[in-house]
Amino acid sequence: MGERSKAFKLISLAVILALTGAGFPLLAEEPAAGLRGVIRAHDRSPLEGARLLAAEPDSGEVYRSEPTAADGSFVLAELAPGSYDLAVEVEGGFYLVKQSLELVGGVQREVQVAVAAPAAAGSTLPADEAQAGMWNNPFIAGGLVLGFAILVGALVKNATEDELSTEF
């Protein structure tokens, strides 16, 4: 019985280690990632009161920093590792960052963001540039594509139901 109880204890220990993740570090949760840096105005001076937004495309989750300090600094901590679309929110609008940013667990990434100069009062974009800007915004483009897919799905469903009801 001594050998059997020793084997039982070893198996019990292995099960406990497996359930807690201590025996399998690959199953343990990856540490959080983060962003910190400075948001600057078009003239490269620090921008006070702006917020950095980080949107995770897969989940749709959007994270907002606190308003920047007088030195333009911001911190976004405790983000899940992955790809993020960035934007800057300032009084009067949003500025999208053209390139996505990949965050790695356990790393606080340093970024510098500068916003474009505001448009002159009364000026407008040419129609083709305004349209291209809409499609370059991943949130608007994704919403339009999703809406179109839902509409097509509803039309196909209705057409299929009508076809089935006329056969009998």
N, C-alpha and C. Protein backbone atom coordinates (compact mmCIF):
# COMPACT_ATOMS: atom_id res chain seq x y z
N MET A 1 0.80 -1.19 0.00
CA MET A 1 0.00 0.00 0.00
C MET A 1 0.85 1.26 0.00
N GLY A 2 2.07 1.17 0.49
CA GLY A 2 2.97 2.31 0.53
C GLY A 2 3.27 2.85 -0.87
N GLU A 3 3.48 1.97 -1.84
CA GLU A 3 3.77 2.38 -3.22
C GLU A 3 2.55 3.03 -3.86
N ARG A 4 1.38 2.45 -3.55
CA ARG A 4 0.15 2.96 -4.12
C ARG A 4 -0.15 4.36 -3.56
N SER A 5 0.05 4.58 -2.29
CA SER A 5 -0.21 5.90 -1.72
C SER A 5 0.82 6.91 -2.21
N LYS A 6 2.06 6.51 -2.46
CA LYS A 6 3.09 7.40 -3.01
C LYS A 6 2.69 7.82 -4.44
N ALA A 7 2.21 6.86 -5.23
CA ALA A 7 1.76 7.17 -6.60
C ALA A 7 0.56 8.10 -6.56
N PHE A 8 -0.37 7.87 -5.64
CA PHE A 8 -1.55 8.73 -5.51
C PHE A 8 -1.14 10.16 -5.18
N LYS A 9 -0.16 10.31 -4.27
CA LYS A 9 0.31 11.64 -3.89
C LYS A 9 0.96 12.35 -5.07
N LEU A 10 1.76 11.62 -5.87
CA LEU A 10 2.41 12.21 -7.03
C LEU A 10 1.38 12.65 -8.08
N ILE A 11 0.38 11.81 -8.30
CA ILE A 11 -0.66 12.16 -9.26
C ILE A 11 -1.45 13.36 -8.75
N SER A 12 -1.76 13.40 -7.48
CA SER A 12 -2.49 14.54 -6.89
C SER A 12 -1.69 15.83 -7.04
N LEU A 13 -0.39 15.76 -6.79
CA LEU A 13 0.47 16.93 -6.93
C LEU A 13 0.50 17.41 -8.39
N ALA A 14 0.58 16.47 -9.32
CA ALA A 14 0.59 16.83 -10.74
C ALA A 14 -0.71 17.51 -11.15
N VAL A 15 -1.85 17.02 -10.65
CA VAL A 15 -3.14 17.61 -10.97
C VAL A 15 -3.23 19.03 -10.40
N ILE A 16 -2.77 19.23 -9.17
CA ILE A 16 -2.80 20.56 -8.55
C ILE A 16 -1.92 21.53 -9.32
N LEU A 17 -0.73 21.09 -9.69
CA LEU A 17 0.16 21.95 -10.47
C LEU A 17 -0.45 22.30 -11.82
N ALA A 18 -1.08 21.34 -12.45
CA ALA A 18 -1.70 21.60 -13.75
C ALA A 18 -2.85 22.58 -13.63
N LEU A 19 -3.67 22.44 -12.59
CA LEU A 19 -4.82 23.33 -12.42
C LEU A 19 -4.42 24.75 -12.07
N THR A 20 -3.32 24.93 -11.37
CA THR A 20 -2.88 26.27 -11.00
C THR A 20 -1.99 26.90 -12.05
N GLY A 21 -1.57 26.13 -13.03
CA GLY A 21 -0.70 26.68 -14.07
C GLY A 21 0.76 26.68 -13.68
N ALA A 22 1.08 26.25 -12.45
CA ALA A 22 2.47 26.28 -11.99
C ALA A 22 3.33 25.26 -12.74
N GLY A 23 2.73 24.17 -13.14
CA GLY A 23 3.50 23.15 -13.84
C GLY A 23 3.57 23.39 -15.33
N PHE A 24 2.73 24.28 -15.86
CA PHE A 24 2.67 24.53 -17.29
C PHE A 24 2.69 26.03 -17.56
N PRO A 25 3.87 26.64 -17.61
CA PRO A 25 3.92 28.09 -17.80
C PRO A 25 3.32 28.53 -19.13
N LEU A 26 3.23 27.63 -20.12
CA LEU A 26 2.64 28.02 -21.40
C LEU A 26 1.16 28.29 -21.27
N LEU A 27 0.51 27.68 -20.26
CA LEU A 27 -0.92 27.88 -20.06
C LEU A 27 -1.21 29.11 -19.19
N ALA A 28 -0.19 29.67 -18.58
CA ALA A 28 -0.38 30.83 -17.71
C ALA A 28 -0.74 32.05 -18.56
N GLU A 29 -1.49 32.97 -17.99
CA GLU A 29 -1.92 34.17 -18.70
C GLU A 29 -0.72 35.06 -19.00
N GLU A 30 -0.71 35.61 -20.22
CA GLU A 30 0.38 36.49 -20.62
C GLU A 30 0.26 37.82 -19.87
N PRO A 31 1.39 38.40 -19.44
CA PRO A 31 1.33 39.67 -18.71
C PRO A 31 0.77 40.79 -19.59
N ALA A 32 0.21 41.80 -18.93
CA ALA A 32 -0.40 42.93 -19.64
C ALA A 32 0.66 43.76 -20.36
N ALA A 33 0.20 44.47 -21.37
CA ALA A 33 1.05 45.40 -22.11
C ALA A 33 0.61 46.81 -21.76
N GLY A 34 1.33 47.80 -22.25
CA GLY A 34 0.95 49.17 -21.97
C GLY A 34 1.52 50.14 -22.98
N LEU A 35 0.99 51.35 -22.96
CA LEU A 35 1.44 52.44 -23.81
C LEU A 35 1.69 53.66 -22.95
N ARG A 36 2.72 54.37 -23.26
CA ARG A 36 2.95 55.67 -22.63
C ARG A 36 3.70 56.53 -23.62
N GLY A 37 3.62 57.82 -23.44
CA GLY A 37 4.31 58.70 -24.37
C GLY A 37 3.80 60.12 -24.26
N VAL A 38 3.95 60.84 -25.38
CA VAL A 38 3.59 62.26 -25.43
C VAL A 38 2.76 62.51 -26.68
N ILE A 39 1.71 63.30 -26.52
CA ILE A 39 0.91 63.77 -27.65
C ILE A 39 1.30 65.21 -27.90
N ARG A 40 1.62 65.50 -29.16
CA ARG A 40 2.09 66.84 -29.51
C ARG A 40 1.15 67.49 -30.53
N ALA A 41 1.11 68.81 -30.50
CA ALA A 41 0.34 69.58 -31.47
C ALA A 41 1.09 69.60 -32.80
N HIS A 42 0.48 70.17 -33.83
CA HIS A 42 1.10 70.22 -35.16
C HIS A 42 2.44 70.96 -35.16
N ASP A 43 2.64 71.87 -34.22
CA ASP A 43 3.91 72.60 -34.15
C ASP A 43 4.92 71.91 -33.23
N ARG A 44 4.63 70.69 -32.83
CA ARG A 44 5.48 69.82 -31.99
C ARG A 44 5.51 70.22 -30.52
N SER A 45 4.68 71.17 -30.10
CA SER A 45 4.60 71.52 -28.68
C SER A 45 3.71 70.49 -27.99
N PRO A 46 3.93 70.22 -26.70
CA PRO A 46 3.08 69.25 -25.98
C PRO A 46 1.62 69.69 -25.99
N LEU A 47 0.72 68.74 -26.14
CA LEU A 47 -0.71 69.04 -26.23
C LEU A 47 -1.38 68.63 -24.93
N GLU A 48 -1.85 69.62 -24.18
CA GLU A 48 -2.51 69.36 -22.89
C GLU A 48 -3.99 69.07 -23.11
N GLY A 49 -4.53 68.10 -22.34
CA GLY A 49 -5.96 67.81 -22.37
C GLY A 49 -6.40 66.83 -23.44
N ALA A 50 -5.47 66.31 -24.22
CA ALA A 50 -5.83 65.32 -25.25
C ALA A 50 -5.92 63.93 -24.62
N ARG A 51 -6.56 63.01 -25.30
CA ARG A 51 -6.65 61.61 -24.84
C ARG A 51 -6.19 60.70 -25.97
N LEU A 52 -5.47 59.64 -25.60
CA LEU A 52 -5.13 58.62 -26.58
C LEU A 52 -6.17 57.52 -26.48
N LEU A 53 -6.69 57.08 -27.62
CA LEU A 53 -7.64 55.98 -27.68
C LEU A 53 -6.97 54.80 -28.36
N ALA A 54 -7.10 53.63 -27.79
CA ALA A 54 -6.56 52.40 -28.37
C ALA A 54 -7.73 51.44 -28.57
N ALA A 55 -8.00 51.07 -29.82
CA ALA A 55 -9.12 50.18 -30.15
C ALA A 55 -8.57 48.83 -30.57
N GLU A 56 -9.09 47.78 -29.95
CA GLU A 56 -8.68 46.42 -30.28
C GLU A 56 -9.67 45.91 -31.34
N PRO A 57 -9.23 45.77 -32.61
CA PRO A 57 -10.16 45.42 -33.69
C PRO A 57 -10.88 44.08 -33.48
N ASP A 58 -10.21 43.09 -32.90
CA ASP A 58 -10.83 41.77 -32.74
C ASP A 58 -12.02 41.81 -31.78
N SER A 59 -11.88 42.51 -30.67
CA SER A 59 -12.95 42.53 -29.66
C SER A 59 -13.84 43.76 -29.77
N GLY A 60 -13.36 44.82 -30.44
CA GLY A 60 -14.12 46.06 -30.51
C GLY A 60 -13.97 46.91 -29.26
N GLU A 61 -13.16 46.46 -28.31
CA GLU A 61 -12.93 47.18 -27.05
C GLU A 61 -12.10 48.44 -27.32
N VAL A 62 -12.51 49.57 -26.74
CA VAL A 62 -11.79 50.84 -26.89
C VAL A 62 -11.34 51.30 -25.51
N TYR A 63 -10.07 51.63 -25.39
CA TYR A 63 -9.48 52.10 -24.13
C TYR A 63 -9.09 53.56 -24.30
N ARG A 64 -9.36 54.39 -23.27
CA ARG A 64 -9.06 55.83 -23.31
C ARG A 64 -8.12 56.19 -22.18
N SER A 65 -7.11 56.98 -22.50
CA SER A 65 -6.22 57.47 -21.46
C SER A 65 -6.91 58.62 -20.73
N GLU A 66 -6.36 58.97 -19.59
CA GLU A 66 -6.79 60.21 -18.92
C GLU A 66 -6.29 61.38 -19.77
N PRO A 67 -6.87 62.58 -19.60
CA PRO A 67 -6.36 63.72 -20.37
C PRO A 67 -4.87 63.94 -20.11
N THR A 68 -4.16 64.32 -21.16
CA THR A 68 -2.72 64.53 -21.03
C THR A 68 -2.42 65.69 -20.09
N ALA A 69 -1.27 65.60 -19.47
CA ALA A 69 -0.79 66.65 -18.56
C ALA A 69 -0.26 67.82 -19.39
N ALA A 70 0.22 68.86 -18.73
CA ALA A 70 0.76 70.03 -19.42
C ALA A 70 1.92 69.67 -20.33
N ASP A 71 2.65 68.60 -19.99
CA ASP A 71 3.77 68.17 -20.83
C ASP A 71 3.34 67.22 -21.95
N GLY A 72 2.02 67.01 -22.11
CA GLY A 72 1.50 66.15 -23.17
C GLY A 72 1.58 64.67 -22.89
N SER A 73 2.00 64.29 -21.68
CA SER A 73 2.22 62.87 -21.39
C SER A 73 0.92 62.13 -21.11
N PHE A 74 0.90 60.86 -21.48
CA PHE A 74 -0.24 59.98 -21.24
C PHE A 74 0.27 58.59 -20.87
N VAL A 75 -0.59 57.80 -20.25
CA VAL A 75 -0.30 56.40 -19.92
C VAL A 75 -1.57 55.59 -20.14
N LEU A 76 -1.43 54.47 -20.81
CA LEU A 76 -2.50 53.49 -20.95
C LEU A 76 -1.89 52.16 -20.50
N ALA A 77 -2.27 51.68 -19.34
CA ALA A 77 -1.70 50.45 -18.80
C ALA A 77 -2.73 49.33 -18.84
N GLU A 78 -2.27 48.13 -18.55
CA GLU A 78 -3.14 46.95 -18.44
C GLU A 78 -3.91 46.64 -19.72
N LEU A 79 -3.24 46.73 -20.86
CA LEU A 79 -3.85 46.34 -22.12
C LEU A 79 -3.47 44.90 -22.43
N ALA A 80 -4.36 44.18 -23.06
CA ALA A 80 -4.06 42.82 -23.48
C ALA A 80 -3.07 42.88 -24.64
N PRO A 81 -2.12 41.97 -24.70
CA PRO A 81 -1.21 41.95 -25.85
C PRO A 81 -2.01 41.77 -27.14
N GLY A 82 -1.57 42.42 -28.21
CA GLY A 82 -2.26 42.30 -29.50
C GLY A 82 -2.10 43.56 -30.32
N SER A 83 -2.88 43.64 -31.38
CA SER A 83 -2.83 44.76 -32.31
C SER A 83 -3.88 45.80 -31.93
N TYR A 84 -3.52 47.07 -32.02
CA TYR A 84 -4.43 48.17 -31.65
C TYR A 84 -4.41 49.25 -32.73
N ASP A 85 -5.59 49.81 -33.00
CA ASP A 85 -5.71 51.00 -33.82
C ASP A 85 -5.74 52.18 -32.86
N LEU A 86 -4.99 53.23 -33.18
CA LEU A 86 -4.87 54.37 -32.27
C LEU A 86 -5.54 55.61 -32.86
N ALA A 87 -6.03 56.46 -31.96
CA ALA A 87 -6.58 57.75 -32.33
C ALA A 87 -6.30 58.73 -31.19
N VAL A 88 -6.29 60.00 -31.52
CA VAL A 88 -6.13 61.05 -30.51
C VAL A 88 -7.42 61.85 -30.49
N GLU A 89 -7.96 62.04 -29.29
CA GLU A 89 -9.17 62.84 -29.11
C GLU A 89 -8.76 64.18 -28.52
N VAL A 90 -9.10 65.23 -29.23
CA VAL A 90 -8.84 66.59 -28.74
C VAL A 90 -10.13 67.38 -28.88
N GLU A 91 -10.17 68.52 -28.22
CA GLU A 91 -11.35 69.37 -28.35
C GLU A 91 -11.53 69.72 -29.82
N GLY A 92 -12.66 69.36 -30.36
CA GLY A 92 -12.90 69.66 -31.77
C GLY A 92 -12.78 68.47 -32.69
N GLY A 93 -12.39 67.30 -32.20
CA GLY A 93 -12.36 66.16 -33.10
C GLY A 93 -11.41 65.05 -32.72
N PHE A 94 -11.30 64.11 -33.66
CA PHE A 94 -10.44 62.94 -33.51
C PHE A 94 -9.40 62.93 -34.63
N TYR A 95 -8.23 62.44 -34.33
CA TYR A 95 -7.18 62.25 -35.31
C TYR A 95 -6.79 60.77 -35.29
N LEU A 96 -6.94 60.10 -36.42
CA LEU A 96 -6.61 58.68 -36.49
C LEU A 96 -5.13 58.51 -36.82
N VAL A 97 -4.51 57.53 -36.18
CA VAL A 97 -3.13 57.17 -36.48
C VAL A 97 -3.19 56.17 -37.62
N LYS A 98 -2.43 56.39 -38.69
CA LYS A 98 -2.55 55.60 -39.91
C LYS A 98 -2.16 54.13 -39.75
N GLN A 99 -1.23 53.84 -38.87
CA GLN A 99 -0.71 52.48 -38.76
C GLN A 99 -1.10 51.86 -37.42
N SER A 100 -1.47 50.57 -37.46
CA SER A 100 -1.78 49.85 -36.22
C SER A 100 -0.51 49.64 -35.42
N LEU A 101 -0.68 49.37 -34.14
CA LEU A 101 0.45 49.18 -33.24
C LEU A 101 0.33 47.82 -32.57
N GLU A 102 1.39 47.05 -32.59
CA GLU A 102 1.41 45.71 -31.98
C GLU A 102 2.00 45.84 -30.58
N LEU A 103 1.25 45.34 -29.57
CA LEU A 103 1.73 45.39 -28.19
C LEU A 103 2.08 43.98 -27.73
N VAL A 104 3.19 43.88 -27.01
CA VAL A 104 3.70 42.61 -26.51
C VAL A 104 3.51 42.58 -24.99
N GLY A 105 3.10 41.44 -24.46
CA GLY A 105 2.88 41.30 -23.03
C GLY A 105 4.12 41.62 -22.22
N GLY A 106 3.93 42.31 -21.11
CA GLY A 106 5.02 42.64 -20.21
C GLY A 106 5.86 43.83 -20.66
N VAL A 107 5.48 44.47 -21.78
CA VAL A 107 6.26 45.59 -22.31
C VAL A 107 5.42 46.86 -22.29
N GLN A 108 5.97 47.92 -21.73
CA GLN A 108 5.34 49.25 -21.73
C GLN A 108 5.95 49.98 -22.93
N ARG A 109 5.18 50.13 -24.01
CA ARG A 109 5.70 50.71 -25.25
C ARG A 109 5.64 52.23 -25.21
N GLU A 110 6.71 52.87 -25.63
CA GLU A 110 6.82 54.33 -25.66
C GLU A 110 6.46 54.82 -27.06
N VAL A 111 5.50 55.76 -27.16
CA VAL A 111 5.12 56.32 -28.47
C VAL A 111 5.04 57.84 -28.39
N GLN A 112 5.29 58.46 -29.52
CA GLN A 112 5.14 59.90 -29.68
C GLN A 112 4.11 60.11 -30.78
N VAL A 113 3.08 60.91 -30.52
CA VAL A 113 2.02 61.15 -31.49
C VAL A 113 1.90 62.64 -31.72
N ALA A 114 1.88 63.06 -33.00
CA ALA A 114 1.67 64.47 -33.33
C ALA A 114 0.40 64.57 -34.16
N VAL A 115 -0.46 65.53 -33.82
CA VAL A 115 -1.70 65.71 -34.57
C VAL A 115 -1.47 66.72 -35.69
N ALA A 116 -2.26 66.60 -36.74
CA ALA A 116 -2.15 67.49 -37.89
C ALA A 116 -2.69 68.88 -37.54
N ALA A 117 -2.28 69.84 -38.32
CA ALA A 117 -2.77 71.20 -38.12
C ALA A 117 -4.26 71.24 -38.41
N PRO A 118 -5.02 71.99 -37.61
CA PRO A 118 -6.46 72.08 -37.86
C PRO A 118 -6.72 72.78 -39.19
N ALA A 119 -7.82 72.43 -39.83
CA ALA A 119 -8.20 73.06 -41.09
C ALA A 119 -8.60 74.50 -40.84
N ALA A 120 -8.36 75.35 -41.81
CA ALA A 120 -8.74 76.75 -41.69
C ALA A 120 -10.26 76.86 -41.65
N ALA A 121 -10.75 77.85 -40.94
CA ALA A 121 -12.20 78.03 -40.81
C ALA A 121 -12.84 78.17 -42.18
N GLY A 122 -13.90 77.43 -42.42
CA GLY A 122 -14.62 77.53 -43.68
C GLY A 122 -14.03 76.70 -44.81
N SER A 123 -12.87 76.08 -44.61
CA SER A 123 -12.28 75.28 -45.69
C SER A 123 -12.89 73.89 -45.68
N THR A 124 -12.95 73.30 -46.85
CA THR A 124 -13.49 71.94 -46.97
C THR A 124 -12.55 71.09 -47.80
N LEU A 125 -12.64 69.79 -47.62
CA LEU A 125 -11.87 68.86 -48.44
C LEU A 125 -12.55 68.66 -49.78
N PRO A 126 -11.79 68.43 -50.84
CA PRO A 126 -12.43 68.05 -52.09
C PRO A 126 -13.23 66.77 -51.86
N ALA A 127 -14.29 66.56 -52.64
CA ALA A 127 -15.20 65.42 -52.44
C ALA A 127 -14.46 64.08 -52.46
N ASP A 128 -13.52 63.91 -53.38
CA ASP A 128 -12.83 62.61 -53.46
C ASP A 128 -11.96 62.38 -52.23
N GLU A 129 -11.34 63.40 -51.66
CA GLU A 129 -10.54 63.24 -50.44
C GLU A 129 -11.42 62.96 -49.24
N ALA A 130 -12.58 63.58 -49.16
CA ALA A 130 -13.50 63.35 -48.05
C ALA A 130 -14.00 61.91 -48.08
N GLN A 131 -14.32 61.39 -49.25
CA GLN A 131 -14.76 60.00 -49.37
C GLN A 131 -13.65 59.04 -48.99
N ALA A 132 -12.44 59.28 -49.46
CA ALA A 132 -11.32 58.39 -49.14
C ALA A 132 -11.08 58.38 -47.64
N GLY A 133 -11.22 59.54 -46.98
CA GLY A 133 -11.01 59.61 -45.54
C GLY A 133 -12.00 58.75 -44.78
N MET A 134 -13.24 58.69 -45.27
CA MET A 134 -14.24 57.87 -44.62
C MET A 134 -13.83 56.40 -44.68
N TRP A 135 -13.37 55.93 -45.82
CA TRP A 135 -12.99 54.52 -45.97
C TRP A 135 -11.69 54.21 -45.25
N ASN A 136 -10.87 55.20 -44.98
CA ASN A 136 -9.63 54.98 -44.25
C ASN A 136 -9.88 54.85 -42.75
N ASN A 137 -11.06 55.24 -42.29
CA ASN A 137 -11.41 55.09 -40.88
C ASN A 137 -11.92 53.66 -40.68
N PRO A 138 -11.18 52.82 -39.93
CA PRO A 138 -11.58 51.41 -39.80
C PRO A 138 -12.92 51.22 -39.11
N PHE A 139 -13.31 52.13 -38.22
CA PHE A 139 -14.57 51.99 -37.52
C PHE A 139 -15.75 52.24 -38.47
N ILE A 140 -15.67 53.28 -39.27
CA ILE A 140 -16.74 53.59 -40.21
C ILE A 140 -16.81 52.54 -41.31
N ALA A 141 -15.66 52.19 -41.88
CA ALA A 141 -15.63 51.19 -42.95
C ALA A 141 -16.16 49.84 -42.45
N GLY A 142 -15.74 49.44 -41.27
CA GLY A 142 -16.21 48.17 -40.70
C GLY A 142 -17.71 48.19 -40.46
N GLY A 143 -18.23 49.30 -39.95
CA GLY A 143 -19.67 49.42 -39.72
C GLY A 143 -20.47 49.36 -41.01
N LEU A 144 -19.96 50.02 -42.06
CA LEU A 144 -20.66 49.98 -43.35
C LEU A 144 -20.65 48.58 -43.95
N VAL A 145 -19.50 47.91 -43.88
CA VAL A 145 -19.40 46.55 -44.42
C VAL A 145 -20.31 45.61 -43.64
N LEU A 146 -20.31 45.71 -42.31
CA LEU A 146 -21.16 44.87 -41.48
C LEU A 146 -22.64 45.13 -41.77
N GLY A 147 -23.02 46.39 -41.89
CA GLY A 147 -24.40 46.73 -42.21
C GLY A 147 -24.84 46.17 -43.56
N PHE A 148 -23.96 46.27 -44.55
CA PHE A 148 -24.27 45.73 -45.87
C PHE A 148 -24.42 44.21 -45.81
N ALA A 149 -23.54 43.54 -45.05
CA ALA A 149 -23.63 42.07 -44.92
C ALA A 149 -24.94 41.66 -44.26
N ILE A 150 -25.38 42.38 -43.25
CA ILE A 150 -26.65 42.08 -42.57
C ILE A 150 -27.81 42.28 -43.54
N LEU A 151 -27.77 43.36 -44.31
CA LEU A 151 -28.82 43.63 -45.27
C LEU A 151 -28.90 42.53 -46.32
N VAL A 152 -27.79 42.13 -46.88
CA VAL A 152 -27.76 41.05 -47.89
C VAL A 152 -28.26 39.75 -47.27
N GLY A 153 -27.84 39.44 -46.05
CA GLY A 153 -28.30 38.23 -45.37
C GLY A 153 -29.81 38.22 -45.18
N ALA A 154 -30.38 39.35 -44.80
CA ALA A 154 -31.84 39.45 -44.62
C ALA A 154 -32.56 39.28 -45.95
N LEU A 155 -32.04 39.87 -47.02
CA LEU A 155 -32.66 39.73 -48.33
C LEU A 155 -32.62 38.29 -48.82
N VAL A 156 -31.48 37.62 -48.63
CA VAL A 156 -31.35 36.21 -49.04
C VAL A 156 -32.30 35.35 -48.24
N LYS A 157 -32.41 35.59 -46.94
CA LYS A 157 -33.31 34.81 -46.09
C LYS A 157 -34.76 34.98 -46.55
N ASN A 158 -35.17 36.22 -46.81
CA ASN A 158 -36.54 36.48 -47.26
C ASN A 158 -36.80 35.83 -48.61
N ALA A 159 -35.85 35.90 -49.52
CA ALA A 159 -36.02 35.29 -50.84
C ALA A 159 -36.15 33.78 -50.71
N THR A 160 -35.35 33.17 -49.84
CA THR A 160 -35.40 31.72 -49.63
C THR A 160 -36.72 31.32 -49.01
N GLU A 161 -37.21 32.07 -48.04
CA GLU A 161 -38.49 31.77 -47.41
C GLU A 161 -39.64 31.90 -48.40
N ASP A 162 -39.59 32.92 -49.27
CA ASP A 162 -40.62 33.09 -50.29
C ASP A 162 -40.62 31.93 -51.26
N GLU A 163 -39.43 31.48 -51.65
CA GLU A 163 -39.30 30.36 -52.57
C GLU A 163 -39.88 29.09 -51.96
N LEU A 164 -39.59 28.84 -50.70
CA LEU A 164 -40.09 27.63 -50.03
C LEU A 164 -41.60 27.67 -49.88
N SER A 165 -42.17 28.83 -49.60
CA SER A 165 -43.60 28.93 -49.40
C SER A 165 -44.38 28.79 -50.71
N THR A 166 -43.79 29.11 -51.86
CA THR A 166 -44.49 29.01 -53.14
C THR A 166 -44.40 27.62 -53.74
N GLU A 167 -43.53 26.76 -53.24
CA GLU A 167 -43.39 25.43 -53.78
C GLU A 167 -44.55 24.54 -53.39
N PHE A 168 -45.21 24.78 -52.29
CA PHE A 168 -46.27 23.88 -51.81
C PHE A 168 -47.60 24.27 -52.30
